[in-house]
PDB file of N, CA and C in Angstrom:
ATOM      1  N   MET A   1       1.746 108.727  -2.647  1.00  0.00           N
ATOM      2  CA  MET A   1       0.606 108.163  -3.333  1.00  0.00           C
ATOM      3  C   MET A   1      -0.637 108.292  -2.446  1.00  0.00           C
ATOM      4  N   GLU A   2      -1.694 108.696  -3.057  1.00  0.00           N
ATOM      5  CA  GLU A   2      -2.944 108.811  -2.329  1.00  0.00           C
ATOM      6  C   GLU A   2      -3.670 107.467  -2.321  1.00  0.00           C
ATOM      7  N   LYS A   3      -4.339 107.205  -1.206  1.00  0.00           N
ATOM      8  CA  LYS A   3      -5.141 105.990  -1.147  1.00  0.00           C
ATOM      9  C   LYS A   3      -6.384 106.191  -1.986  1.00  0.00           C
ATOM     10  N   GLU A   4      -6.725 105.188  -2.757  1.00  0.00           N
ATOM     11  CA  GLU A   4      -7.936 105.268  -3.566  1.00  0.00           C
ATOM     12  C   GLU A   4      -9.137 104.983  -2.681  1.00  0.00           C
ATOM     13  N   LYS A   5     -10.209 105.665  -2.952  1.00  0.00           N
ATOM     14  CA  LYS A   5     -11.444 105.438  -2.207  1.00  0.00           C
ATOM     15  C   LYS A   5     -12.105 104.178  -2.744  1.00  0.00           C
ATOM     16  N   LEU A   6     -12.648 103.380  -1.842  1.00  0.00           N
ATOM     17  CA  LEU A   6     -13.354 102.171  -2.244  1.00  0.00           C
ATOM     18  C   LEU A   6     -14.807 102.497  -2.564  1.00  0.00           C
ATOM     19  N   SER A   7     -15.326 101.789  -3.555  1.00  0.00           N
ATOM     20  CA  SER A   7     -16.738 101.956  -3.865  1.00  0.00           C
ATOM     21  C   SER A   7     -17.547 101.257  -2.770  1.00  0.00           C
ATOM     22  N   ALA A   8     -18.831 101.493  -2.768  1.00  0.00           N
ATOM     23  CA  ALA A   8     -19.693 100.886  -1.742  1.00  0.00           C
ATOM     24  C   ALA A   8     -19.649  99.362  -1.835  1.00  0.00           C
ATOM     25  N   ARG A   9     -19.637  98.847  -3.053  1.00  0.00           N
ATOM     26  CA  ARG A   9     -19.595  97.390  -3.237  1.00  0.00           C
ATOM     27  C   ARG A   9     -18.277  96.812  -2.734  1.00  0.00           C
ATOM     28  N   GLU A  10     -17.164  97.476  -3.068  1.00  0.00           N
ATOM     29  CA  GLU A  10     -15.857  97.009  -2.622  1.00  0.00           C
ATOM     30  C   GLU A  10     -15.747  97.066  -1.108  1.00  0.00           C
ATOM     31  N   ALA A  11     -16.268  98.124  -0.507  1.00  0.00           N
ATOM     32  CA  ALA A  11     -16.237  98.240   0.950  1.00  0.00           C
ATOM     33  C   ALA A  11     -17.051  97.129   1.601  1.00  0.00           C
ATOM     34  N   ALA A  12     -18.194  96.791   0.999  1.00  0.00           N
ATOM     35  CA  ALA A  12     -19.024  95.709   1.535  1.00  0.00           C
ATOM     36  C   ALA A  12     -18.293  94.377   1.430  1.00  0.00           C
ATOM     37  N   LEU A  13     -17.594  94.149   0.316  1.00  0.00           N
ATOM     38  CA  LEU A  13     -16.840  92.903   0.155  1.00  0.00           C
ATOM     39  C   LEU A  13     -15.700  92.811   1.165  1.00  0.00           C
ATOM     40  N   VAL A  14     -15.020  93.928   1.394  1.00  0.00           N
ATOM     41  CA  VAL A  14     -13.929  93.930   2.379  1.00  0.00           C
ATOM     42  C   VAL A  14     -14.480  93.655   3.774  1.00  0.00           C
ATOM     43  N   ALA A  15     -15.610  94.281   4.110  1.00  0.00           N
ATOM     44  CA  ALA A  15     -16.217  94.062   5.425  1.00  0.00           C
ATOM     45  C   ALA A  15     -16.647  92.602   5.591  1.00  0.00           C
ATOM     46  N   GLN A  16     -17.204  92.034   4.517  1.00  0.00           N
ATOM     47  CA  GLN A  16     -17.615  90.624   4.586  1.00  0.00           C
ATOM     48  C   GLN A  16     -16.397  89.724   4.769  1.00  0.00           C
ATOM     49  N   ALA A  17     -15.299  90.022   4.084  1.00  0.00           N
ATOM     50  CA  ALA A  17     -14.077  89.240   4.226  1.00  0.00           C
ATOM     51  C   ALA A  17     -13.555  89.311   5.655  1.00  0.00           C
ATOM     52  N   HIS A  18     -13.630  90.494   6.266  1.00  0.00           N
ATOM     53  CA  HIS A  18     -13.183  90.649   7.648  1.00  0.00           C
ATOM     54  C   HIS A  18     -14.074  89.827   8.593  1.00  0.00           C
ATOM     55  N   ARG A  19     -15.391  89.846   8.356  1.00  0.00           N
ATOM     56  CA  ARG A  19     -16.300  89.062   9.213  1.00  0.00           C
ATOM     57  C   ARG A  19     -16.020  87.573   9.084  1.00  0.00           C
ATOM     58  N   GLU A  20     -15.777  87.107   7.854  1.00  0.00           N
ATOM     59  CA  GLU A  20     -15.476  85.689   7.652  1.00  0.00           C
ATOM     60  C   GLU A  20     -14.160  85.303   8.311  1.00  0.00           C
ATOM     61  N   ALA A  21     -13.172  86.188   8.250  1.00  0.00           N
ATOM     62  CA  ALA A  21     -11.885  85.909   8.891  1.00  0.00           C
ATOM     63  C   ALA A  21     -12.049  85.826  10.403  1.00  0.00           C
ATOM     64  N   GLU A  22     -12.852  86.703  10.968  1.00  0.00           N
ATOM     65  CA  GLU A  22     -13.100  86.666  12.411  1.00  0.00           C
ATOM     66  C   GLU A  22     -13.856  85.397  12.800  1.00  0.00           C
ATOM     67  N   ALA A  23     -14.797  84.986  11.952  1.00  0.00           N
ATOM     68  CA  ALA A  23     -15.570  83.775  12.247  1.00  0.00           C
ATOM     69  C   ALA A  23     -14.678  82.537  12.220  1.00  0.00           C
ATOM     70  N   ARG A  24     -13.693  82.514  11.330  1.00  0.00           N
ATOM     71  CA  ARG A  24     -12.786  81.367  11.250  1.00  0.00           C
ATOM     72  C   ARG A  24     -11.877  81.278  12.480  1.00  0.00           C
ATOM     73  N   LYS A  25     -11.536  82.442  13.044  1.00  0.00           N
ATOM     74  CA  LYS A  25     -10.650  82.451  14.215  1.00  0.00           C
ATOM     75  C   LYS A  25     -11.316  81.817  15.411  1.00  0.00           C
ATOM     76  N   GLY A  26     -12.622  81.859  15.470  1.00  0.00           N
ATOM     77  CA  GLY A  26     -13.348  81.273  16.589  1.00  0.00           C
ATOM     78  C   GLY A  26     -13.798  82.350  17.551  1.00  0.00           C
ATOM     79  N   PRO A  27     -14.544  81.937  18.558  1.00  0.00           N
ATOM     80  CA  PRO A  27     -15.057  82.925  19.508  1.00  0.00           C
ATOM     81  C   PRO A  27     -13.932  83.502  20.363  1.00  0.00           C
ATOM     82  N   ALA A  28     -14.206  84.662  20.921  1.00  0.00           N
ATOM     83  CA  ALA A  28     -13.232  85.327  21.786  1.00  0.00           C
ATOM     84  C   ALA A  28     -13.038  84.508  23.060  1.00  0.00           C
ATOM     85  N   PRO A  29     -11.882  84.595  23.722  1.00  0.00           N
ATOM     86  CA  PRO A  29     -11.649  83.803  24.934  1.00  0.00           C
ATOM     87  C   PRO A  29     -12.676  84.068  26.028  1.00  0.00           C
ATOM     88  N   ALA A  30     -13.165  85.294  26.173  1.00  0.00           N
ATOM     89  CA  ALA A  30     -14.155  85.594  27.200  1.00  0.00           C
ATOM     90  C   ALA A  30     -15.453  84.862  26.911  1.00  0.00           C
ATOM     91  N   ALA A  31     -15.820  84.768  25.649  1.00  0.00           N
ATOM     92  CA  ALA A  31     -17.056  84.072  25.283  1.00  0.00           C
ATOM     93  C   ALA A  31     -16.930  82.581  25.535  1.00  0.00           C
ATOM     94  N   VAL A  32     -15.739  82.043  25.356  1.00  0.00           N
ATOM     95  CA  VAL A  32     -15.534  80.615  25.567  1.00  0.00           C
ATOM     96  C   VAL A  32     -15.696  80.279  27.046  1.00  0.00           C
ATOM     97  N   THR A  33     -15.137  81.095  27.922  1.00  0.00           N
ATOM     98  CA  THR A  33     -15.202  80.799  29.349  1.00  0.00           C
ATOM     99  C   THR A  33     -16.606  80.994  29.897  1.00  0.00           C
ATOM    100  N   SER A  34     -17.369  81.927  29.347  1.00  0.00           N
ATOM    101  CA  SER A  34     -18.714  82.152  29.871  1.00  0.00           C
ATOM    102  C   SER A  34     -19.667  81.044  29.453  1.00  0.00           C
ATOM    103  N   HIS A  35     -19.450  80.430  28.307  1.00  0.00           N
ATOM    104  CA  HIS A  35     -20.341  79.373  27.824  1.00  0.00           C
ATOM    105  C   HIS A  35     -19.993  78.009  28.401  1.00  0.00           C
ATOM    106  N   ALA A  36     -18.797  77.834  28.831  1.00  0.00           N
ATOM    107  CA  ALA A  36     -18.374  76.514  29.309  1.00  0.00           C
ATOM    108  C   ALA A  36     -18.820  76.334  30.758  1.00  0.00           C
ATOM    109  N   ALA A  37     -19.787  75.484  30.972  1.00  0.00           N
ATOM    110  CA  ALA A  37     -20.277  75.223  32.323  1.00  0.00           C
ATOM    111  C   ALA A  37     -19.311  74.291  33.055  1.00  0.00           C
ATOM    112  N   ALA A  38     -18.942  73.220  32.405  1.00  0.00           N
ATOM    113  CA  ALA A  38     -18.003  72.273  32.997  1.00  0.00           C
ATOM    114  C   ALA A  38     -16.926  71.986  31.962  1.00  0.00           C
ATOM    115  N   PRO A  39     -15.681  71.910  32.394  1.00  0.00           N
ATOM    116  CA  PRO A  39     -14.624  71.630  31.429  1.00  0.00           C
ATOM    117  C   PRO A  39     -14.780  70.217  30.872  1.00  0.00           C
ATOM    118  N   ALA A  40     -14.617  70.096  29.584  1.00  0.00           N
ATOM    119  CA  ALA A  40     -14.729  68.787  28.937  1.00  0.00           C
ATOM    120  C   ALA A  40     -13.493  67.958  29.258  1.00  0.00           C
ATOM    121  N   ALA A  41     -13.715  66.657  29.389  1.00  0.00           N
ATOM    122  CA  ALA A  41     -12.599  65.750  29.668  1.00  0.00           C
ATOM    123  C   ALA A  41     -11.708  65.691  28.432  1.00  0.00           C
ATOM    124  N   PRO A  42     -10.414  65.811  28.611  1.00  0.00           N
ATOM    125  CA  PRO A  42      -9.536  65.756  27.437  1.00  0.00           C
ATOM    126  C   PRO A  42      -9.557  64.353  26.836  1.00  0.00           C
ATOM    127  N   GLN A  43      -9.722  64.313  25.521  1.00  0.00           N
ATOM    128  CA  GLN A  43      -9.742  63.032  24.835  1.00  0.00           C
ATOM    129  C   GLN A  43      -8.315  62.623  24.529  1.00  0.00           C
ATOM    130  N   PRO A  44      -8.014  61.342  24.706  1.00  0.00           N
ATOM    131  CA  PRO A  44      -6.645  60.905  24.428  1.00  0.00           C
ATOM    132  C   PRO A  44      -6.337  61.062  22.940  1.00  0.00           C
ATOM    133  N   ALA A  45      -5.145  61.533  22.678  1.00  0.00           N
ATOM    134  CA  ALA A  45      -4.734  61.733  21.293  1.00  0.00           C
ATOM    135  C   ALA A  45      -4.510  60.381  20.631  1.00  0.00           C
ATOM    136  N   LYS A  46      -4.980  60.265  19.409  1.00  0.00           N
ATOM    137  CA  LYS A  46      -4.816  59.010  18.672  1.00  0.00           C
ATOM    138  C   LYS A  46      -3.370  58.934  18.183  1.00  0.00           C
ATOM    139  N   PRO A  47      -2.677  57.869  18.523  1.00  0.00           N
ATOM    140  CA  PRO A  47      -1.275  57.789  18.100  1.00  0.00           C
ATOM    141  C   PRO A  47      -1.196  57.656  16.574  1.00  0.00           C
ATOM    142  N   LYS A  48      -0.174  58.289  16.011  1.00  0.00           N
ATOM    143  CA  LYS A  48       0.009  58.211  14.569  1.00  0.00           C
ATOM    144  C   LYS A  48       0.424  56.796  14.193  1.00  0.00           C
ATOM    145  N   ALA A  49      -0.061  56.366  13.052  1.00  0.00           N
ATOM    146  CA  ALA A  49       0.284  55.035  12.571  1.00  0.00           C
ATOM    147  C   ALA A  49       1.728  55.031  12.075  1.00  0.00           C
ATOM    148  N   SER A  50       2.374  53.934  12.285  1.00  0.00           N
ATOM    149  CA  SER A  50       3.750  53.816  11.808  1.00  0.00           C
ATOM    150  C   SER A  50       3.726  53.683  10.285  1.00  0.00           C
ATOM    151  N   PRO A  51       4.843  53.930   9.644  1.00  0.00           N
ATOM    152  CA  PRO A  51       4.873  53.797   8.180  1.00  0.00           C
ATOM    153  C   PRO A  51       4.468  52.397   7.709  1.00  0.00           C
ATOM    154  N   ALA A  52       4.830  51.386   8.453  1.00  0.00           N
ATOM    155  CA  ALA A  52       4.457  50.019   8.072  1.00  0.00           C
ATOM    156  C   ALA A  52       2.946  49.830   8.162  1.00  0.00           C
ATOM    157  N   GLU A  53       2.316  50.388   9.198  1.00  0.00           N
ATOM    158  CA  GLU A  53       0.864  50.268   9.334  1.00  0.00           C
ATOM    159  C   GLU A  53       0.146  51.038   8.232  1.00  0.00           C
ATOM    160  N   ARG A  54       0.650  52.228   7.913  1.00  0.00           N
ATOM    161  CA  ARG A  54       0.035  53.013   6.832  1.00  0.00           C
ATOM    162  C   ARG A  54       0.162  52.288   5.504  1.00  0.00           C
ATOM    163  N   LEU A  55       1.326  51.695   5.253  1.00  0.00           N
ATOM    164  CA  LEU A  55       1.541  50.959   4.020  1.00  0.00           C
ATOM    165  C   LEU A  55       0.612  49.752   3.960  1.00  0.00           C
ATOM    166  N   ALA A  56       0.467  49.054   5.079  1.00  0.00           N
ATOM    167  CA  ALA A  56      -0.430  47.898   5.114  1.00  0.00           C
ATOM    168  C   ALA A  56      -1.869  48.315   4.851  1.00  0.00           C
ATOM    169  N   ARG A  57      -2.290  49.451   5.435  1.00  0.00           N
ATOM    170  CA  ARG A  57      -3.654  49.937   5.206  1.00  0.00           C
ATOM    171  C   ARG A  57      -3.854  50.313   3.744  1.00  0.00           C
ATOM    172  N   LEU A  58      -2.873  51.006   3.157  1.00  0.00           N
ATOM    173  CA  LEU A  58      -2.976  51.382   1.744  1.00  0.00           C
ATOM    174  C   LEU A  58      -3.035  50.155   0.843  1.00  0.00           C
ATOM    175  N   MET A  59      -2.222  49.155   1.154  1.00  0.00           N
ATOM    176  CA  MET A  59      -2.227  47.931   0.353  1.00  0.00           C
ATOM    177  C   MET A  59      -3.564  47.217   0.464  1.00  0.00           C
ATOM    178  N   ALA A  60      -4.142  47.189   1.654  1.00  0.00           N
ATOM    179  CA  ALA A  60      -5.444  46.545   1.834  1.00  0.00           C
ATOM    180  C   ALA A  60      -6.527  47.287   1.060  1.00  0.00           C
ATOM    181  N   GLU A  61      -6.482  48.615   1.082  1.00  0.00           N
ATOM    182  CA  GLU A  61      -7.459  49.407   0.327  1.00  0.00           C
ATOM    183  C   GLU A  61      -7.313  49.163  -1.171  1.00  0.00           C
ATOM    184  N   GLU A  62      -6.086  49.118  -1.660  1.00  0.00           N
ATOM    185  CA  GLU A  62      -5.854  48.859  -3.078  1.00  0.00           C
ATOM    186  C   GLU A  62      -6.313  47.466  -3.463  1.00  0.00           C
ATOM    187  N   ARG A  63      -6.061  46.497  -2.589  1.00  0.00           N
ATOM    188  CA  ARG A  63      -6.489  45.124  -2.854  1.00  0.00           C
ATOM    189  C   ARG A  63      -8.013  45.045  -2.957  1.00  0.00           C
ATOM    190  N   ALA A  64      -8.698  45.732  -2.045  1.00  0.00           N
ATOM    191  CA  ALA A  64     -10.163  45.734  -2.065  1.00  0.00           C
ATOM    192  C   ALA A  64     -10.675  46.416  -3.337  1.00  0.00           C
ATOM    193  N   GLU A  65     -10.055  47.518  -3.718  1.00  0.00           N
ATOM    194  CA  GLU A  65     -10.474  48.212  -4.937  1.00  0.00           C
ATOM    195  C   GLU A  65     -10.230  47.342  -6.166  1.00  0.00           C
ATOM    196  N   THR A  66      -9.096  46.644  -6.196  1.00  0.00           N
ATOM    197  CA  THR A  66      -8.790  45.755  -7.313  1.00  0.00           C
ATOM    198  C   THR A  66      -9.805  44.626  -7.400  1.00  0.00           C
ATOM    199  N   GLU A  67     -10.205  44.070  -6.250  1.00  0.00           N
ATOM    200  CA  GLU A  67     -11.209  43.006  -6.240  1.00  0.00           C
ATOM    201  C   GLU A  67     -12.540  43.506  -6.785  1.00  0.00           C
ATOM    202  N   ARG A  68     -12.951  44.723  -6.370  1.00  0.00           N
ATOM    203  CA  ARG A  68     -14.198  45.284  -6.901  1.00  0.00           C
ATOM    204  C   ARG A  68     -14.109  45.469  -8.409  1.00  0.00           C
ATOM    205  N   TRP A  69     -12.973  45.963  -8.890  1.00  0.00           N
ATOM    206  CA  TRP A  69     -12.777  46.189 -10.313  1.00  0.00           C
ATOM    207  C   TRP A  69     -12.811  44.872 -11.071  1.00  0.00           C
ATOM    208  N   LYS A  70     -12.141  43.828 -10.555  1.00  0.00           N
ATOM    209  CA  LYS A  70     -12.123  42.531 -11.220  1.00  0.00           C
ATOM    210  C   LYS A  70     -13.523  41.928 -11.285  1.00  0.00           C
ATOM    211  N   LYS A  71     -14.282  42.063 -10.195  1.00  0.00           N
ATOM    212  CA  LYS A  71     -15.643  41.536 -10.187  1.00  0.00           C
ATOM    213  C   LYS A  71     -16.493  42.240 -11.242  1.00  0.00           C
ATOM    214  N   LYS A  72     -16.342  43.548 -11.336  1.00  0.00           N
ATOM    215  CA  LYS A  72     -17.086  44.325 -12.326  1.00  0.00           C
ATOM    216  C   LYS A  72     -16.678  43.911 -13.741  1.00  0.00           C
ATOM    217  N   MET A  73     -15.390  43.737 -13.975  1.00  0.00           N
ATOM    218  CA  MET A  73     -14.906  43.351 -15.294  1.00  0.00           C
ATOM    219  C   MET A  73     -15.363  41.938 -15.666  1.00  0.00           C
ATOM    220  N   ARG A  74     -15.396  41.028 -14.689  1.00  0.00           N
ATOM    221  CA  ARG A  74     -15.890  39.673 -14.971  1.00  0.00           C
ATOM    222  C   ARG A  74     -17.354  39.714 -15.371  1.00  0.00           C
ATOM    223  N   ARG A  75     -18.131  40.533 -14.663  1.00  0.00           N
ATOM    224  CA  ARG A  75     -19.560  40.627 -14.961  1.00  0.00           C
ATOM    225  C   ARG A  75     -19.762  41.187 -16.369  1.00  0.00           C
ATOM    226  N   TYR A  76     -19.107  42.310 -16.672  1.00  0.00           N
ATOM    227  CA  TYR A  76     -19.276  42.904 -17.990  1.00  0.00           C
ATOM    228  C   TYR A  76     -18.528  42.128 -19.067  1.00  0.00           C
ATOM    229  N   GLY A  77     -17.510  41.387 -18.696  1.00  0.00           N
ATOM    230  CA  GLY A  77     -16.767  40.576 -19.651  1.00  0.00           C
ATOM    231  C   GLY A  77     -17.589  39.412 -20.158  1.00  0.00           C
ATOM    232  N   ILE A  78     -18.640  39.056 -19.441  1.00  0.00           N
ATOM    233  CA  ILE A  78     -19.533  37.980 -19.882  1.00  0.00           C
ATOM    234  C   ILE A  78     -20.755  38.571 -20.579  1.00  0.00           C
ATOM    235  N   ILE A  79     -21.310  39.631 -20.030  1.00  0.00           N
ATOM    236  CA  ILE A  79     -22.561  40.191 -20.541  1.00  0.00           C
ATOM    237  C   ILE A  79     -22.365  40.868 -21.896  1.00  0.00           C
ATOM    238  N   VAL A  80     -21.353  41.688 -22.039  1.00  0.00           N
ATOM    239  CA  VAL A  80     -21.162  42.456 -23.270  1.00  0.00           C
ATOM    240  C   VAL A  80     -20.882  41.549 -24.461  1.00  0.00           C
ATOM    241  N   PRO A  81     -19.934  40.611 -24.383  1.00  0.00           N
ATOM    242  CA  PRO A  81     -19.730  39.729 -25.547  1.00  0.00           C
ATOM    243  C   PRO A  81     -20.966  38.874 -25.860  1.00  0.00           C
ATOM    244  N   ALA A  82     -21.670  38.435 -24.825  1.00  0.00           N
ATOM    245  CA  ALA A  82     -22.889  37.651 -25.062  1.00  0.00           C
ATOM    246  C   ALA A  82     -23.929  38.492 -25.791  1.00  0.00           C
ATOM    247  N   ALA A  83     -24.059  39.752 -25.443  1.00  0.00           N
ATOM    248  CA  ALA A  83     -25.004  40.638 -26.123  1.00  0.00           C
ATOM    249  C   ALA A  83     -24.599  40.853 -27.574  1.00  0.00           C
ATOM    250  N   ILE A  84     -23.308  41.025 -27.803  1.00  0.00           N
ATOM    251  CA  ILE A  84     -22.831  41.220 -29.182  1.00  0.00           C
ATOM    252  C   ILE A  84     -23.089  39.973 -30.010  1.00  0.00           C
ATOM    253  N   ILE A  85     -22.803  38.810 -29.481  1.00  0.00           N
ATOM    254  CA  ILE A  85     -23.046  37.549 -30.194  1.00  0.00           C
ATOM    255  C   ILE A  85     -24.542  37.368 -30.448  1.00  0.00           C
ATOM    256  N   GLY A  86     -25.367  37.724 -29.456  1.00  0.00           N
ATOM    257  CA  GLY A  86     -26.819  37.612 -29.628  1.00  0.00           C
ATOM    258  C   GLY A  86     -27.325  38.521 -30.733  1.00  0.00           C
ATOM    259  N   ILE A  87     -26.844  39.740 -30.776  1.00  0.00           N
ATOM    260  CA  ILE A  87     -27.252  40.671 -31.834  1.00  0.00           C
ATOM    261  C   ILE A  87     -26.804  40.156 -33.197  1.00  0.00           C
ATOM    262  N   PHE A  88     -25.581  39.636 -33.274  1.00  0.00           N
ATOM    263  CA  PHE A  88     -25.084  39.081 -34.533  1.00  0.00           C
ATOM    264  C   PHE A  88     -25.923  37.883 -34.959  1.00  0.00           C
ATOM    265  N   ALA A  89     -26.282  37.027 -33.998  1.00  0.00           N
ATOM    266  CA  ALA A  89     -27.086  35.847 -34.327  1.00  0.00           C
ATOM    267  C   ALA A  89     -28.462  36.273 -34.855  1.00  0.00           C
ATOM    268  N   LEU A  90     -29.078  37.244 -34.238  1.00  0.00           N
ATOM    269  CA  LEU A  90     -30.374  37.725 -34.720  1.00  0.00           C
ATOM    270  C   LEU A  90     -30.250  38.324 -36.121  1.00  0.00           C
ATOM    271  N   TRP A  91     -29.186  39.063 -36.342  1.00  0.00           N
ATOM    272  CA  TRP A  91     -28.964  39.637 -37.664  1.00  0.00           C
ATOM    273  C   TRP A  91     -28.743  38.537 -38.695  1.00  0.00           C
ATOM    274  N   ALA A  92     -27.948  37.507 -38.332  1.00  0.00           N
ATOM    275  CA  ALA A  92     -27.656  36.411 -39.258  1.00  0.00           C
ATOM    276  C   ALA A  92     -28.920  35.622 -39.589  1.00  0.00           C
ATOM    277  N   LEU A  93     -29.810  35.451 -38.628  1.00  0.00           N
ATOM    278  CA  LEU A  93     -31.055  34.724 -38.885  1.00  0.00           C
ATOM    279  C   LEU A  93     -32.013  35.560 -39.733  1.00  0.00           C
ATOM    280  N   ARG A  94     -31.967  36.828 -39.601  1.00  0.00           N
ATOM    281  CA  ARG A  94     -32.907  37.709 -40.301  1.00  0.00           C
ATOM    282  C   ARG A  94     -32.412  38.072 -41.697  1.00  0.00           C
ATOM    283  N   ALA A  95     -31.103  38.100 -41.919  1.00  0.00           N
ATOM    284  CA  ALA A  95     -30.536  38.529 -43.198  1.00  0.00           C
ATOM    285  C   ALA A  95     -30.993  37.659 -44.370  1.00  0.00           C
ATOM    286  N   PRO A  96     -30.996  36.335 -44.308  1.00  0.00           N
ATOM    287  CA  PRO A  96     -31.436  35.538 -45.483  1.00  0.00           C
ATOM    288  C   PRO A  96     -32.918  35.742 -45.807  1.00  0.00           C
ATOM    289  N   SER A  97     -33.739  36.031 -44.826  1.00  0.00           N
ATOM    290  CA  SER A  97     -35.165  36.193 -45.095  1.00  0.00           C
ATOM    291  C   SER A  97     -35.455  37.468 -45.871  1.00  0.00           C
ATOM    292  N   ARG A  98     -34.579  38.432 -45.857  1.00  0.00           N
ATOM    293  CA  ARG A  98     -34.773  39.675 -46.599  1.00  0.00           C
ATOM    294  C   ARG A  98     -34.553  39.460 -48.093  1.00  0.00           C
ATOM    295  N   ARG A  99     -33.715  38.521 -48.472  1.00  0.00           N
ATOM    296  CA  ARG A  99     -33.381  38.295 -49.862  1.00  0.00           C
ATOM    297  C   ARG A  99     -34.531  37.628 -50.629  1.00  0.00           C
ATOM    298  N   ARG A 100     -35.404  36.977 -49.983  1.00  0.00           N
ATOM    299  CA  ARG A 100     -36.473  36.237 -50.649  1.00  0.00           C
ATOM    300  C   ARG A 100     -37.547  37.107 -51.151  1.00  0.00           C
TER     301      ARG A 100
END
């Protein structure tokens, strides 16, 4: 099988993909050593949370989200029915005056 020739656009896309792949890999080792004036102090690795700690954190986040949702529902649970009753009351007061 013969290799198909790439069009100019396809060749440009392939070249761009290669450049992006090289950029993701990071700089070459020689470039890293020439730019580093002083070695950075190694940062201590953060220990992974135990399953119990992760579960506790998730439960706390869910509890906080539930509280926000309940507060929102309480606010709208009062405002929306009050608005509906107010609109009905205005309609009820205005309806008999139309018949006259």
